[in-house]
Amino acid sequence: MSWKLNRVRQCAKCPWKVATDPRQIPHGYCEAKHRSLAGTIADDTGNLAAVLRQAPLRMMACHEHPEGQEAHCVGWLMNQLGPGNNIALRLAVRDCENIRGVILEGPQHERFEDTLPATT
């Protein structure tokens, strides 16, 4: 069954952009919540456990969308399809009608840890 992404362009303050200071993310940035998103990152198996158990795939939502109207974080999505090697996500987007229309803005972080605020 085919489906479409709700968002295809990366937002202005996406934490996956190298130029973004995560503390400047709008709508009340919370470092603890940001750190908890590590659970959305594929492990060294490519998140195969989600595939084998047919468990729900945990995804990072865009901070610009209100609760209940979530959209994938475009930076997260493209990281997990590329360097993140999220095999479960790759399988899920096979049926995505607009995945080829995704637009990233500028240099991106390679690892989730790099999206977190720098320690001072």
PDB file of N, CA and C in Angstrom:
ATOM      1  N   MET A   1       0.840  -1.173   0.000  1.00  0.00           N
ATOM      2  CA  MET A   1       0.000   0.000   0.000  1.00  0.00           C
ATOM      3  C   MET A   1       0.889   1.241   0.000  1.00  0.00           C
ATOM      4  N   SER A   2       0.668   2.148  -0.912  1.00  0.00           N
ATOM      5  CA  SER A   2       1.517   3.334  -1.018  1.00  0.00           C
ATOM      6  C   SER A   2       1.091   4.396   0.004  1.00  0.00           C
ATOM      7  N   TRP A   3       2.029   5.270   0.301  1.00  0.00           N
ATOM      8  CA  TRP A   3       1.795   6.352   1.247  1.00  0.00           C
ATOM      9  C   TRP A   3       2.686   7.533   0.873  1.00  0.00           C
ATOM     10  N   LYS A   4       2.440   8.687   1.496  1.00  0.00           N
ATOM     11  CA  LYS A   4       3.217   9.895   1.220  1.00  0.00           C
ATOM     12  C   LYS A   4       3.714  10.505   2.525  1.00  0.00           C
ATOM     13  N   LEU A   5       4.901  11.106   2.445  1.00  0.00           N
ATOM     14  CA  LEU A   5       5.414  11.880   3.559  1.00  0.00           C
ATOM     15  C   LEU A   5       4.570  13.134   3.713  1.00  0.00           C
ATOM     16  N   ASN A   6       4.316  13.562   4.948  1.00  0.00           N
ATOM     17  CA  ASN A   6       3.583  14.807   5.185  1.00  0.00           C
ATOM     18  C   ASN A   6       4.458  16.024   4.927  1.00  0.00           C
ATOM     19  N   ARG A   7       5.766  15.822   4.959  1.00  0.00           N
ATOM     20  CA  ARG A   7       6.716  16.924   4.779  1.00  0.00           C
ATOM     21  C   ARG A   7       7.873  16.410   3.938  1.00  0.00           C
ATOM     22  N   VAL A   8       8.313  17.182   2.931  1.00  0.00           N
ATOM     23  CA  VAL A   8       9.445  16.756   2.112  1.00  0.00           C
ATOM     24  C   VAL A   8      10.614  17.741   2.167  1.00  0.00           C
ATOM     25  N   ARG A   9      10.407  18.939   2.690  1.00  0.00           N
ATOM     26  CA  ARG A   9      11.487  19.929   2.799  1.00  0.00           C
ATOM     27  C   ARG A   9      11.913  20.042   4.258  1.00  0.00           C
ATOM     28  N   GLN A  10      13.215  20.028   4.461  1.00  0.00           N
ATOM     29  CA  GLN A  10      13.774  20.163   5.798  1.00  0.00           C
ATOM     30  C   GLN A  10      13.441  21.542   6.365  1.00  0.00           C
ATOM     31  N   CYS A  11      13.069  21.594   7.638  1.00  0.00           N
ATOM     32  CA  CYS A  11      12.698  22.872   8.242  1.00  0.00           C
ATOM     33  C   CYS A  11      13.939  23.715   8.552  1.00  0.00           C
ATOM     34  N   ALA A  12      13.703  24.982   8.812  1.00  0.00           N
ATOM     35  CA  ALA A  12      14.789  25.945   9.008  1.00  0.00           C
ATOM     36  C   ALA A  12      15.667  25.626  10.210  1.00  0.00           C
ATOM     37  N   LYS A  13      15.118  25.098  11.284  1.00  0.00           N
ATOM     38  CA  LYS A  13      15.874  24.840  12.521  1.00  0.00           C
ATOM     39  C   LYS A  13      16.033  23.350  12.804  1.00  0.00           C
ATOM     40  N   CYS A  14      16.110  22.545  11.787  1.00  0.00           N
ATOM     41  CA  CYS A  14      16.278  21.099  11.960  1.00  0.00           C
ATOM     42  C   CYS A  14      17.602  20.820  12.676  1.00  0.00           C
ATOM     43  N   PRO A  15      17.591  20.008  13.738  1.00  0.00           N
ATOM     44  CA  PRO A  15      18.833  19.722  14.456  1.00  0.00           C
ATOM     45  C   PRO A  15      19.840  18.907  13.650  1.00  0.00           C
ATOM     46  N   TRP A  16      19.424  18.321  12.539  1.00  0.00           N
ATOM     47  CA  TRP A  16      20.357  17.554  11.706  1.00  0.00           C
ATOM     48  C   TRP A  16      21.223  18.455  10.837  1.00  0.00           C
ATOM     49  N   LYS A  17      20.854  19.740  10.717  1.00  0.00           N
ATOM     50  CA  LYS A  17      21.681  20.698   9.977  1.00  0.00           C
ATOM     51  C   LYS A  17      22.876  21.080  10.833  1.00  0.00           C
ATOM     52  N   VAL A  18      24.037  21.074  10.248  1.00  0.00           N
ATOM     53  CA  VAL A  18      25.248  21.464  10.971  1.00  0.00           C
ATOM     54  C   VAL A  18      25.116  22.895  11.503  1.00  0.00           C
ATOM     55  N   ALA A  19      24.470  23.768  10.764  1.00  0.00           N
ATOM     56  CA  ALA A  19      24.369  25.178  11.135  1.00  0.00           C
ATOM     57  C   ALA A  19      23.382  25.455  12.269  1.00  0.00           C
ATOM     58  N   THR A  20      22.567  24.489  12.659  1.00  0.00           N
ATOM     59  CA  THR A  20      21.550  24.717  13.681  1.00  0.00           C
ATOM     60  C   THR A  20      22.116  24.555  15.086  1.00  0.00           C
ATOM     61  N   ASP A  21      21.877  25.554  15.921  1.00  0.00           N
ATOM     62  CA  ASP A  21      22.149  25.441  17.348  1.00  0.00           C
ATOM     63  C   ASP A  21      20.879  24.845  17.947  1.00  0.00           C
ATOM     64  N   PRO A  22      20.930  23.613  18.462  1.00  0.00           N
ATOM     65  CA  PRO A  22      19.700  22.985  18.938  1.00  0.00           C
ATOM     66  C   PRO A  22      18.981  23.788  20.015  1.00  0.00           C
ATOM     67  N   ARG A  23      19.703  24.600  20.758  1.00  0.00           N
ATOM     68  CA  ARG A  23      19.044  25.420  21.791  1.00  0.00           C
ATOM     69  C   ARG A  23      18.145  26.493  21.181  1.00  0.00           C
ATOM     70  N   GLN A  24      18.285  26.724  19.880  1.00  0.00           N
ATOM     71  CA  GLN A  24      17.460  27.714  19.189  1.00  0.00           C
ATOM     72  C   GLN A  24      16.254  27.088  18.493  1.00  0.00           C
ATOM     73  N   ILE A  25      16.041  25.793  18.689  1.00  0.00           N
ATOM     74  CA  ILE A  25      14.878  25.136  18.085  1.00  0.00           C
ATOM     75  C   ILE A  25      13.621  25.712  18.732  1.00  0.00           C
ATOM     76  N   PRO A  26      12.662  26.168  17.926  1.00  0.00           N
ATOM     77  CA  PRO A  26      11.464  26.806  18.478  1.00  0.00           C
ATOM     78  C   PRO A  26      10.540  25.835  19.225  1.00  0.00           C
ATOM     79  N   HIS A  27       9.596  26.410  19.928  1.00  0.00           N
ATOM     80  CA  HIS A  27       8.543  25.679  20.650  1.00  0.00           C
ATOM     81  C   HIS A  27       9.067  24.983  21.898  1.00  0.00           C
ATOM     82  N   GLY A  28      10.019  25.594  22.588  1.00  0.00           N
ATOM     83  CA  GLY A  28      10.460  25.078  23.869  1.00  0.00           C
ATOM     84  C   GLY A  28      11.421  23.917  23.794  1.00  0.00           C
ATOM     85  N   TYR A  29      12.643  24.159  23.373  1.00  0.00           N
ATOM     86  CA  TYR A  29      13.652  23.100  23.288  1.00  0.00           C
ATOM     87  C   TYR A  29      13.898  22.477  24.654  1.00  0.00           C
ATOM     88  N   CYS A  30      14.024  21.157  24.681  1.00  0.00           N
ATOM     89  CA  CYS A  30      14.314  20.411  25.907  1.00  0.00           C
ATOM     90  C   CYS A  30      15.422  19.405  25.591  1.00  0.00           C
ATOM     91  N   GLU A  31      16.589  19.607  26.197  1.00  0.00           N
ATOM     92  CA  GLU A  31      17.716  18.724  25.911  1.00  0.00           C
ATOM     93  C   GLU A  31      17.423  17.277  26.310  1.00  0.00           C
ATOM     94  N   ALA A  32      16.721  17.060  27.415  1.00  0.00           N
ATOM     95  CA  ALA A  32      16.397  15.694  27.850  1.00  0.00           C
ATOM     96  C   ALA A  32      15.536  14.974  26.807  1.00  0.00           C
ATOM     97  N   LYS A  33      14.547  15.680  26.268  1.00  0.00           N
ATOM     98  CA  LYS A  33      13.704  15.075  25.217  1.00  0.00           C
ATOM     99  C   LYS A  33      14.530  14.803  23.967  1.00  0.00           C
ATOM    100  N   HIS A  34      15.419  15.734  23.636  1.00  0.00           N
ATOM    101  CA  HIS A  34      16.280  15.559  22.466  1.00  0.00           C
ATOM    102  C   HIS A  34      17.130  14.300  22.641  1.00  0.00           C
ATOM    103  N   ARG A  35      17.764  14.157  23.800  1.00  0.00           N
ATOM    104  CA  ARG A  35      18.595  12.971  24.063  1.00  0.00           C
ATOM    105  C   ARG A  35      17.788  11.678  23.988  1.00  0.00           C
ATOM    106  N   SER A  36      16.520  11.721  24.404  1.00  0.00           N
ATOM    107  CA  SER A  36      15.690  10.517  24.380  1.00  0.00           C
ATOM    108  C   SER A  36      15.385  10.047  22.957  1.00  0.00           C
ATOM    109  N   LEU A  37      15.598  10.923  21.980  1.00  0.00           N
ATOM    110  CA  LEU A  37      15.366  10.547  20.584  1.00  0.00           C
ATOM    111  C   LEU A  37      16.427   9.587  20.057  1.00  0.00           C
ATOM    112  N   ALA A  38      17.451   9.311  20.866  1.00  0.00           N
ATOM    113  CA  ALA A  38      18.459   8.315  20.475  1.00  0.00           C
ATOM    114  C   ALA A  38      17.789   6.972  20.198  1.00  0.00           C
ATOM    115  N   GLY A  39      16.640   6.732  20.814  1.00  0.00           N
ATOM    116  CA  GLY A  39      15.899   5.489  20.586  1.00  0.00           C
ATOM    117  C   GLY A  39      15.304   5.372  19.189  1.00  0.00           C
ATOM    118  N   THR A  40      15.361   6.439  18.403  1.00  0.00           N
ATOM    119  CA  THR A  40      14.848   6.394  17.027  1.00  0.00           C
ATOM    120  C   THR A  40      15.949   6.058  16.024  1.00  0.00           C
ATOM    121  N   ILE A  41      17.185   5.947  16.517  1.00  0.00           N
ATOM    122  CA  ILE A  41      18.339   5.715  15.651  1.00  0.00           C
ATOM    123  C   ILE A  41      18.596   4.222  15.522  1.00  0.00           C
ATOM    124  N   ALA A  42      18.818   3.759  14.299  1.00  0.00           N
ATOM    125  CA  ALA A  42      19.070   2.334  14.061  1.00  0.00           C
ATOM    126  C   ALA A  42      20.323   1.898  14.804  1.00  0.00           C
ATOM    127  N   ASP A  43      20.284   0.692  15.329  1.00  0.00           N
ATOM    128  CA  ASP A  43      21.477   0.160  15.996  1.00  0.00           C
ATOM    129  C   ASP A  43      22.390  -0.470  14.952  1.00  0.00           C
ATOM    130  N   ASP A  44      23.429  -1.158  15.401  1.00  0.00           N
ATOM    131  CA  ASP A  44      24.403  -1.710  14.450  1.00  0.00           C
ATOM    132  C   ASP A  44      23.851  -2.844  13.595  1.00  0.00           C
ATOM    133  N   THR A  45      22.612  -3.266  13.828  1.00  0.00           N
ATOM    134  CA  THR A  45      21.985  -4.280  12.979  1.00  0.00           C
ATOM    135  C   THR A  45      21.128  -3.638  11.888  1.00  0.00           C
ATOM    136  N   GLY A  46      21.066  -2.301  11.874  1.00  0.00           N
ATOM    137  CA  GLY A  46      20.214  -1.623  10.899  1.00  0.00           C
ATOM    138  C   GLY A  46      18.762  -1.638  11.310  1.00  0.00           C
ATOM    139  N   ASN A  47      18.495  -1.866  12.613  1.00  0.00           N
ATOM    140  CA  ASN A  47      17.142  -1.899  13.156  1.00  0.00           C
ATOM    141  C   ASN A  47      16.371  -3.121  12.667  1.00  0.00           C
ATOM    142  N   LEU A  48      17.076  -4.205  12.454  1.00  0.00           N
ATOM    143  CA  LEU A  48      16.425  -5.418  11.961  1.00  0.00           C
ATOM    144  C   LEU A  48      15.423  -5.997  12.950  1.00  0.00           C
ATOM    145  N   ALA A  49      15.581  -5.723  14.231  1.00  0.00           N
ATOM    146  CA  ALA A  49      14.627  -6.231  15.212  1.00  0.00           C
ATOM    147  C   ALA A  49      13.221  -5.746  14.884  1.00  0.00           C
ATOM    148  N   ALA A  50      13.099  -4.493  14.437  1.00  0.00           N
ATOM    149  CA  ALA A  50      11.786  -3.961  14.066  1.00  0.00           C
ATOM    150  C   ALA A  50      11.213  -4.722  12.882  1.00  0.00           C
ATOM    151  N   VAL A  51      12.077  -5.122  11.957  1.00  0.00           N
ATOM    152  CA  VAL A  51      11.624  -5.863  10.776  1.00  0.00           C
ATOM    153  C   VAL A  51      11.190  -7.273  11.180  1.00  0.00           C
ATOM    154  N   LEU A  52      12.032  -7.958  11.922  1.00  0.00           N
ATOM    155  CA  LEU A  52      11.769  -9.352  12.271  1.00  0.00           C
ATOM    156  C   LEU A  52      10.560  -9.513  13.176  1.00  0.00           C
ATOM    157  N   ARG A  53      10.377  -8.596  14.113  1.00  0.00           N
ATOM    158  CA  ARG A  53       9.225  -8.674  15.019  1.00  0.00           C
ATOM    159  C   ARG A  53       8.025  -7.954  14.438  1.00  0.00           C
ATOM    160  N   GLN A  54       8.222  -7.295  13.352  1.00  0.00           N
ATOM    161  CA  GLN A  54       7.210  -6.433  12.757  1.00  0.00           C
ATOM    162  C   GLN A  54       6.707  -5.444  13.797  1.00  0.00           C
ATOM    163  N   ALA A  55       7.651  -4.953  14.594  1.00  0.00           N
ATOM    164  CA  ALA A  55       7.354  -3.956  15.624  1.00  0.00           C
ATOM    165  C   ALA A  55       7.223  -2.585  14.980  1.00  0.00           C
ATOM    166  N   PRO A  56       6.524  -1.688  15.630  1.00  0.00           N
ATOM    167  CA  PRO A  56       6.446  -0.324  15.089  1.00  0.00           C
ATOM    168  C   PRO A  56       7.839   0.289  15.008  1.00  0.00           C
ATOM    169  N   LEU A  57       8.075   0.998  13.955  1.00  0.00           N
ATOM    170  CA  LEU A  57       9.347   1.668  13.736  1.00  0.00           C
ATOM    171  C   LEU A  57       9.301   3.013  14.456  1.00  0.00           C
ATOM    172  N   ARG A  58      10.224   3.237  15.379  1.00  0.00           N
ATOM    173  CA  ARG A  58      10.276   4.509  16.096  1.00  0.00           C
ATOM    174  C   ARG A  58      10.880   5.554  15.184  1.00  0.00           C
ATOM    175  N   MET A  59      10.231   6.703  15.101  1.00  0.00           N
ATOM    176  CA  MET A  59      10.673   7.759  14.208  1.00  0.00           C
ATOM    177  C   MET A  59      10.774   9.081  14.936  1.00  0.00           C
ATOM    178  N   MET A  60      11.641   9.926  14.445  1.00  0.00           N
ATOM    179  CA  MET A  60      11.789  11.278  14.981  1.00  0.00           C
ATOM    180  C   MET A  60      10.820  12.178  14.231  1.00  0.00           C
ATOM    181  N   ALA A  61       9.999  12.916  14.984  1.00  0.00           N
ATOM    182  CA  ALA A  61       9.029  13.824  14.379  1.00  0.00           C
ATOM    183  C   ALA A  61       9.624  15.221  14.246  1.00  0.00           C
ATOM    184  N   CYS A  62       9.148  15.958  13.275  1.00  0.00           N
ATOM    185  CA  CYS A  62       9.565  17.346  13.072  1.00  0.00           C
ATOM    186  C   CYS A  62       8.974  18.213  14.187  1.00  0.00           C
ATOM    187  N   HIS A  63       9.802  19.077  14.763  1.00  0.00           N
ATOM    188  CA  HIS A  63       9.362  19.940  15.861  1.00  0.00           C
ATOM    189  C   HIS A  63       8.366  21.008  15.410  1.00  0.00           C
ATOM    190  N   GLU A  64       8.205  21.215  14.111  1.00  0.00           N
ATOM    191  CA  GLU A  64       7.290  22.246  13.616  1.00  0.00           C
ATOM    192  C   GLU A  64       5.848  21.767  13.497  1.00  0.00           C
ATOM    193  N   HIS A  65       5.623  20.479  13.740  1.00  0.00           N
ATOM    194  CA  HIS A  65       4.266  19.942  13.604  1.00  0.00           C
ATOM    195  C   HIS A  65       3.686  19.644  14.977  1.00  0.00           C
ATOM    196  N   PRO A  66       2.442  20.033  15.209  1.00  0.00           N
ATOM    197  CA  PRO A  66       1.840  19.814  16.528  1.00  0.00           C
ATOM    198  C   PRO A  66       1.566  18.325  16.795  1.00  0.00           C
ATOM    199  N   GLU A  67       1.487  17.998  18.066  1.00  0.00           N
ATOM    200  CA  GLU A  67       1.176  16.631  18.469  1.00  0.00           C
ATOM    201  C   GLU A  67      -0.155  16.215  17.843  1.00  0.00           C
ATOM    202  N   GLY A  68      -0.176  15.023  17.325  1.00  0.00           N
ATOM    203  CA  GLY A  68      -1.361  14.513  16.652  1.00  0.00           C
ATOM    204  C   GLY A  68      -1.330  14.750  15.147  1.00  0.00           C
ATOM    205  N   GLN A  69      -0.437  15.651  14.691  1.00  0.00           N
ATOM    206  CA  GLN A  69      -0.283  15.937  13.263  1.00  0.00           C
ATOM    207  C   GLN A  69       1.178  15.789  12.870  1.00  0.00           C
ATOM    208  N   GLU A  70       1.871  14.852  13.523  1.00  0.00           N
ATOM    209  CA  GLU A  70       3.303  14.687  13.328  1.00  0.00           C
ATOM    210  C   GLU A  70       3.680  14.394  11.881  1.00  0.00           C
ATOM    211  N   ALA A  71       4.856  14.848  11.535  1.00  0.00           N
ATOM    212  CA  ALA A  71       5.487  14.536  10.253  1.00  0.00           C
ATOM    213  C   ALA A  71       6.902  14.075  10.571  1.00  0.00           C
ATOM    214  N   HIS A  72       7.460  13.234   9.727  1.00  0.00           N
ATOM    215  CA  HIS A  72       8.848  12.803   9.930  1.00  0.00           C
ATOM    216  C   HIS A  72       9.776  14.006   9.938  1.00  0.00           C
ATOM    217  N   CYS A  73      10.807  13.950  10.772  1.00  0.00           N
ATOM    218  CA  CYS A  73      11.885  14.929  10.692  1.00  0.00           C
ATOM    219  C   CYS A  73      12.656  14.585   9.417  1.00  0.00           C
ATOM    220  N   VAL A  74      12.731  15.507   8.485  1.00  0.00           N
ATOM    221  CA  VAL A  74      13.368  15.250   7.194  1.00  0.00           C
ATOM    222  C   VAL A  74      14.867  14.968   7.361  1.00  0.00           C
ATOM    223  N   GLY A  75      15.530  15.688   8.259  1.00  0.00           N
ATOM    224  CA  GLY A  75      16.950  15.427   8.508  1.00  0.00           C
ATOM    225  C   GLY A  75      17.172  14.024   9.049  1.00  0.00           C
ATOM    226  N   TRP A  76      16.351  13.619  10.023  1.00  0.00           N
ATOM    227  CA  TRP A  76      16.421  12.271  10.588  1.00  0.00           C
ATOM    228  C   TRP A  76      16.175  11.231   9.499  1.00  0.00           C
ATOM    229  N   LEU A  77      15.127  11.452   8.719  1.00  0.00           N
ATOM    230  CA  LEU A  77      14.742  10.513   7.672  1.00  0.00           C
ATOM    231  C   LEU A  77      15.899  10.239   6.716  1.00  0.00           C
ATOM    232  N   MET A  78      16.513  11.309   6.221  1.00  0.00           N
ATOM    233  CA  MET A  78      17.579  11.131   5.241  1.00  0.00           C
ATOM    234  C   MET A  78      18.853  10.579   5.879  1.00  0.00           C
ATOM    235  N   ASN A  79      19.099  10.899   7.151  1.00  0.00           N
ATOM    236  CA  ASN A  79      20.240  10.308   7.842  1.00  0.00           C
ATOM    237  C   ASN A  79      20.029   8.805   7.988  1.00  0.00           C
ATOM    238  N   GLN A  80      18.855   8.412   8.387  1.00  0.00           N
ATOM    239  CA  GLN A  80      18.594   6.993   8.621  1.00  0.00           C
ATOM    240  C   GLN A  80      18.523   6.187   7.324  1.00  0.00           C
ATOM    241  N   LEU A  81      18.153   6.839   6.237  1.00  0.00           N
ATOM    242  CA  LEU A  81      18.161   6.156   4.939  1.00  0.00           C
ATOM    243  C   LEU A  81      19.569   6.053   4.372  1.00  0.00           C
ATOM    244  N   GLY A  82      20.448   6.966   4.808  1.00  0.00           N
ATOM    245  CA  GLY A  82      21.834   6.990   4.328  1.00  0.00           C
ATOM    246  C   GLY A  82      22.797   6.438   5.352  1.00  0.00           C
ATOM    247  N   PRO A  83      23.596   7.322   5.962  1.00  0.00           N
ATOM    248  CA  PRO A  83      24.644   6.851   6.872  1.00  0.00           C
ATOM    249  C   PRO A  83      24.116   6.084   8.079  1.00  0.00           C
ATOM    250  N   GLY A  84      22.881   6.321   8.498  1.00  0.00           N
ATOM    251  CA  GLY A  84      22.320   5.612   9.646  1.00  0.00           C
ATOM    252  C   GLY A  84      21.995   4.158   9.368  1.00  0.00           C
ATOM    253  N   ASN A  85      21.882   3.800   8.092  1.00  0.00           N
ATOM    254  CA  ASN A  85      21.649   2.415   7.659  1.00  0.00           C
ATOM    255  C   ASN A  85      20.470   1.759   8.366  1.00  0.00           C
ATOM    256  N   ASN A  86      19.339   2.447   8.398  1.00  0.00           N
ATOM    257  CA  ASN A  86      18.137   1.919   9.036  1.00  0.00           C
ATOM    258  C   ASN A  86      17.385   1.068   8.010  1.00  0.00           C
ATOM    259  N   ILE A  87      17.668  -0.215   8.036  1.00  0.00           N
ATOM    260  CA  ILE A  87      17.098  -1.133   7.048  1.00  0.00           C
ATOM    261  C   ILE A  87      15.581  -1.183   7.146  1.00  0.00           C
ATOM    262  N   ALA A  88      15.054  -1.167   8.360  1.00  0.00           N
ATOM    263  CA  ALA A  88      13.600  -1.182   8.536  1.00  0.00           C
ATOM    264  C   ALA A  88      12.966   0.037   7.867  1.00  0.00           C
ATOM    265  N   LEU A  89      13.589   1.201   8.016  1.00  0.00           N
ATOM    266  CA  LEU A  89      13.070   2.408   7.369  1.00  0.00           C
ATOM    267  C   LEU A  89      13.194   2.307   5.856  1.00  0.00           C
ATOM    268  N   ARG A  90      14.317   1.779   5.386  1.00  0.00           N
ATOM    269  CA  ARG A  90      14.481   1.603   3.932  1.00  0.00           C
ATOM    270  C   ARG A  90      13.367   0.744   3.356  1.00  0.00           C
ATOM    271  N   LEU A  91      12.997  -0.307   4.069  1.00  0.00           N
ATOM    272  CA  LEU A  91      11.893  -1.157   3.621  1.00  0.00           C
ATOM    273  C   LEU A  91      10.575  -0.388   3.635  1.00  0.00           C
ATOM    274  N   ALA A  92      10.382   0.438   4.660  1.00  0.00           N
ATOM    275  CA  ALA A  92       9.136   1.192   4.775  1.00  0.00           C
ATOM    276  C   ALA A  92       8.966   2.216   3.653  1.00  0.00           C
ATOM    277  N   VAL A  93      10.060   2.829   3.197  1.00  0.00           N
ATOM    278  CA  VAL A  93       9.915   3.875   2.175  1.00  0.00           C
ATOM    279  C   VAL A  93       9.836   3.323   0.753  1.00  0.00           C
ATOM    280  N   ARG A  94       9.954   2.032   0.615  1.00  0.00           N
ATOM    281  CA  ARG A  94       9.793   1.458  -0.738  1.00  0.00           C
ATOM    282  C   ARG A  94       8.460   1.847  -1.348  1.00  0.00           C
ATOM    283  N   ASP A  95       7.440   1.987  -0.510  1.00  0.00           N
ATOM    284  CA  ASP A  95       6.098   2.313  -0.991  1.00  0.00           C
ATOM    285  C   ASP A  95       5.744   3.794  -0.845  1.00  0.00           C
ATOM    286  N   CYS A  96       6.734   4.610  -0.525  1.00  0.00           N
ATOM    287  CA  CYS A  96       6.500   6.048  -0.347  1.00  0.00           C
ATOM    288  C   CYS A  96       6.508   6.735  -1.707  1.00  0.00           C
ATOM    289  N   GLU A  97       5.414   7.385  -2.044  1.00  0.00           N
ATOM    290  CA  GLU A  97       5.256   8.011  -3.357  1.00  0.00           C
ATOM    291  C   GLU A  97       6.117   9.254  -3.569  1.00  0.00           C
ATOM    292  N   ASN A  98       6.453   9.970  -2.499  1.00  0.00           N
ATOM    293  CA  ASN A  98       7.147  11.244  -2.692  1.00  0.00           C
ATOM    294  C   ASN A  98       8.542  11.287  -2.058  1.00  0.00           C
ATOM    295  N   ILE A  99       9.138  10.154  -1.775  1.00  0.00           N
ATOM    296  CA  ILE A  99      10.465  10.128  -1.154  1.00  0.00           C
ATOM    297  C   ILE A  99      11.520  10.801  -2.038  1.00  0.00           C
ATOM    298  N   ARG A 100      11.362  10.731  -3.325  1.00  0.00           N
ATOM    299  CA  ARG A 100      12.346  11.345  -4.231  1.00  0.00           C
ATOM    300  C   ARG A 100      12.259  12.868  -4.248  1.00  0.00           C
ATOM    301  N   GLY A 101      11.206  13.410  -3.649  1.00  0.00           N
ATOM    302  CA  GLY A 101      11.041  14.859  -3.596  1.00  0.00           C
ATOM    303  C   GLY A 101      11.629  15.497  -2.346  1.00  0.00           C
ATOM    304  N   VAL A 102      12.274  14.714  -1.495  1.00  0.00           N
ATOM    305  CA  VAL A 102      12.830  15.247  -0.243  1.00  0.00           C
ATOM    306  C   VAL A 102      13.976  16.215  -0.535  1.00  0.00           C
ATOM    307  N   ILE A 103      13.963  17.347   0.181  1.00  0.00           N
ATOM    308  CA  ILE A 103      14.976  18.388  -0.008  1.00  0.00           C
ATOM    309  C   ILE A 103      15.646  18.682   1.331  1.00  0.00           C
ATOM    310  N   LEU A 104      16.975  18.516   1.358  1.00  0.00           N
ATOM    311  CA  LEU A 104      17.773  18.885   2.524  1.00  0.00           C
ATOM    312  C   LEU A 104      18.357  20.269   2.291  1.00  0.00           C
ATOM    313  N   GLU A 105      18.599  21.001   3.380  1.00  0.00           N
ATOM    314  CA  GLU A 105      19.127  22.362   3.304  1.00  0.00           C
ATOM    315  C   GLU A 105      20.503  22.423   3.961  1.00  0.00           C
ATOM    316  N   GLY A 106      21.571  22.421   3.195  1.00  0.00           N
ATOM    317  CA  GLY A 106      22.917  22.596   3.729  1.00  0.00           C
ATOM    318  C   GLY A 106      23.542  21.326   4.275  1.00  0.00           C
ATOM    319  N   PRO A 107      24.773  21.462   4.812  1.00  0.00           N
ATOM    320  CA  PRO A 107      25.489  20.304   5.365  1.00  0.00           C
ATOM    321  C   PRO A 107      24.733  19.688   6.537  1.00  0.00           C
ATOM    322  N   GLN A 108      24.803  18.367   6.625  1.00  0.00           N
ATOM    323  CA  GLN A 108      24.070  17.605   7.634  1.00  0.00           C
ATOM    324  C   GLN A 108      25.027  16.867   8.571  1.00  0.00           C
ATOM    325  N   HIS A 109      24.559  16.632   9.808  1.00  0.00           N
ATOM    326  CA  HIS A 109      25.326  15.813  10.745  1.00  0.00           C
ATOM    327  C   HIS A 109      25.279  14.354  10.300  1.00  0.00           C
ATOM    328  N   GLU A 110      26.359  13.639  10.544  1.00  0.00           N
ATOM    329  CA  GLU A 110      26.436  12.206  10.204  1.00  0.00           C
ATOM    330  C   GLU A 110      25.902  11.317  11.325  1.00  0.00           C
ATOM    331  N   ARG A 111      25.977  11.814  12.581  1.00  0.00           N
ATOM    332  CA  ARG A 111      25.588  10.997  13.736  1.00  0.00           C
ATOM    333  C   ARG A 111      24.605  11.757  14.618  1.00  0.00           C
ATOM    334  N   PHE A 112      23.724  11.015  15.277  1.00  0.00           N
ATOM    335  CA  PHE A 112      22.750  11.628  16.175  1.00  0.00           C
ATOM    336  C   PHE A 112      23.451  12.448  17.264  1.00  0.00           C
ATOM    337  N   GLU A 113      24.522  11.922  17.826  1.00  0.00           N
ATOM    338  CA  GLU A 113      25.230  12.601  18.905  1.00  0.00           C
ATOM    339  C   GLU A 113      25.666  14.011  18.512  1.00  0.00           C
ATOM    340  N   ASP A 114      25.930  14.212  17.250  1.00  0.00           N
ATOM    341  CA  ASP A 114      26.354  15.535  16.775  1.00  0.00           C
ATOM    342  C   ASP A 114      25.205  16.533  16.705  1.00  0.00           C
ATOM    343  N   THR A 115      23.964  16.061  16.792  1.00  0.00           N
ATOM    344  CA  THR A 115      22.803  16.972  16.770  1.00  0.00           C
ATOM    345  C   THR A 115      22.556  17.592  18.139  1.00  0.00           C
ATOM    346  N   LEU A 116      23.169  17.022  19.175  1.00  0.00           N
ATOM    347  CA  LEU A 116      22.961  17.515  20.540  1.00  0.00           C
ATOM    348  C   LEU A 116      23.780  18.779  20.780  1.00  0.00           C
ATOM    349  N   PRO A 117      23.384  19.599  21.764  1.00  0.00           N
ATOM    350  CA  PRO A 117      24.139  20.826  22.053  1.00  0.00           C
ATOM    351  C   PRO A 117      25.572  20.506  22.471  1.00  0.00           C
ATOM    352  N   ALA A 118      26.484  21.357  22.067  1.00  0.00           N
ATOM    353  CA  ALA A 118      27.872  21.204  22.486  1.00  0.00           C
ATOM    354  C   ALA A 118      27.946  21.480  23.984  1.00  0.00           C
ATOM    355  N   THR A 119      28.756  20.702  24.666  1.00  0.00           N
ATOM    356  CA  THR A 119      28.941  20.929  26.100  1.00  0.00           C
ATOM    357  C   THR A 119      29.891  22.091  26.293  1.00  0.00           C
ATOM    358  N   THR A 120      29.616  22.874  27.319  1.00  0.00           N
ATOM    359  CA  THR A 120      30.439  24.061  27.564  1.00  0.00           C
ATOM    360  C   THR A 120      31.348  23.864  28.757  1.00  0.00           C
TER     361      THR A 120
END
